[in-house]
């Protein structure tokens, strides 16, 4: 579990807060499935905040 402080254009003006605090998780996952499904998961990412740029997957060996 990690805490990330993130700010973006207009956030301070809209909320009055200097940054957004996000709780995130990091780990190693072993996935198996149909190649098409795994490709979709890789492209979309995993997690709740994919649309905000989080959820990226890295392929290991």
C-alpha atoms as a PDB file:
ATOM      1  CA  UNK A   1       0.000   0.000   0.000  1.00  0.00           C
ATOM      2  CA  UNK A   2       1.331   3.405  -0.998  1.00  0.00           C
ATOM      3  CA  UNK A   3       0.032   6.939  -0.636  1.00  0.00           C
ATOM      4  CA  UNK A   4       0.449   9.146  -3.703  1.00  0.00           C
ATOM      5  CA  UNK A   5       0.029  12.916  -3.685  1.00  0.00           C
ATOM      6  CA  UNK A   6      -1.141  14.088  -7.090  1.00  0.00           C
ATOM      7  CA  UNK A   7      -2.195  17.451  -8.468  1.00  0.00           C
ATOM      8  CA  UNK A   8      -3.574  18.405 -11.846  1.00  0.00           C
ATOM      9  CA  UNK A   9      -4.665  21.507 -13.678  1.00  0.00           C
ATOM     10  CA  UNK A  10      -7.613  23.191 -12.002  1.00  0.00           C
ATOM     11  CA  UNK A  11      -7.676  20.921  -8.933  1.00  0.00           C
ATOM     12  CA  UNK A  12      -6.592  23.615  -6.483  1.00  0.00           C
ATOM     13  CA  UNK A  13      -9.022  26.133  -7.955  1.00  0.00           C
ATOM     14  CA  UNK A  14     -11.947  23.691  -7.798  1.00  0.00           C
ATOM     15  CA  UNK A  15     -11.299  22.210  -4.353  1.00  0.00           C
ATOM     16  CA  UNK A  16      -9.094  24.654  -2.467  1.00  0.00           C
ATOM     17  CA  UNK A  17      -6.726  21.763  -1.678  1.00  0.00           C
ATOM     18  CA  UNK A  18      -3.104  21.756  -2.899  1.00  0.00           C
ATOM     19  CA  UNK A  19      -3.137  18.092  -3.968  1.00  0.00           C
ATOM     20  CA  UNK A  20      -5.217  14.912  -4.091  1.00  0.00           C
ATOM     21  CA  UNK A  21      -4.181  12.006  -1.860  1.00  0.00           C
ATOM     22  CA  UNK A  22      -4.643   8.575  -3.433  1.00  0.00           C
ATOM     23  CA  UNK A  23      -4.145   5.174  -1.855  1.00  0.00           C
ATOM     24  CA  UNK A  24      -2.699   2.665  -4.279  1.00  0.00           C
ATOM     25  CA  UNK A  25      -1.351  -0.865  -4.278  1.00  0.00           C
ATOM     26  CA  UNK A  26       1.656  -2.384  -5.969  1.00  0.00           C
ATOM     27  CA  UNK A  27       2.380  -6.058  -6.439  1.00  0.00           C
ATOM     28  CA  UNK A  28       3.288  -8.928  -8.715  1.00  0.00           C
ATOM     29  CA  UNK A  29       0.410 -10.806 -10.340  1.00  0.00           C
ATOM     30  CA  UNK A  30       0.485 -14.006 -12.361  1.00  0.00           C
ATOM     31  CA  UNK A  31      -2.342 -13.917 -14.898  1.00  0.00           C
ATOM     32  CA  UNK A  32      -3.545 -16.570 -17.304  1.00  0.00           C
ATOM     33  CA  UNK A  33      -6.343 -16.584 -19.820  1.00  0.00           C
ATOM     34  CA  UNK A  34      -7.222 -16.158 -23.458  1.00  0.00           C
ATOM     35  CA  UNK A  35      -4.639 -14.014 -25.286  1.00  0.00           C
ATOM     36  CA  UNK A  36      -7.351 -11.572 -26.409  1.00  0.00           C
ATOM     37  CA  UNK A  37      -8.539 -11.075 -22.820  1.00  0.00           C
ATOM     38  CA  UNK A  38      -5.013 -10.605 -21.499  1.00  0.00           C
ATOM     39  CA  UNK A  39      -4.282  -8.056 -24.229  1.00  0.00           C
ATOM     40  CA  UNK A  40      -7.429  -6.114 -23.327  1.00  0.00           C
ATOM     41  CA  UNK A  41      -6.468  -6.162 -19.644  1.00  0.00           C
ATOM     42  CA  UNK A  42      -2.957  -4.983 -20.500  1.00  0.00           C
ATOM     43  CA  UNK A  43      -4.276  -2.104 -22.629  1.00  0.00           C
ATOM     44  CA  UNK A  44      -6.973  -1.038 -20.143  1.00  0.00           C
ATOM     45  CA  UNK A  45      -4.950  -1.496 -16.954  1.00  0.00           C
ATOM     46  CA  UNK A  46      -6.162  -2.730 -13.579  1.00  0.00           C
ATOM     47  CA  UNK A  47      -7.819  -0.908 -10.708  1.00  0.00           C
ATOM     48  CA  UNK A  48     -10.292   1.832  -9.963  1.00  0.00           C
ATOM     49  CA  UNK A  49      -8.427   4.880 -11.283  1.00  0.00           C
ATOM     50  CA  UNK A  50      -7.435   3.686 -14.749  1.00  0.00           C
ATOM     51  CA  UNK A  51      -9.010   6.746 -16.355  1.00  0.00           C
ATOM     52  CA  UNK A  52      -6.718   8.989 -14.321  1.00  0.00           C
ATOM     53  CA  UNK A  53      -3.560   7.308 -15.565  1.00  0.00           C
ATOM     54  CA  UNK A  54      -3.176   4.688 -12.845  1.00  0.00           C
ATOM     55  CA  UNK A  55      -3.416   0.932 -13.276  1.00  0.00           C
ATOM     56  CA  UNK A  56      -0.539   0.447 -15.699  1.00  0.00           C
ATOM     57  CA  UNK A  57       0.811  -3.087 -16.005  1.00  0.00           C
ATOM     58  CA  UNK A  58       4.426  -4.038 -16.623  1.00  0.00           C
ATOM     59  CA  UNK A  59       5.266  -7.395 -18.169  1.00  0.00           C
ATOM     60  CA  UNK A  60       8.059  -9.313 -16.463  1.00  0.00           C
ATOM     61  CA  UNK A  61      10.263 -11.926 -18.154  1.00  0.00           C
END
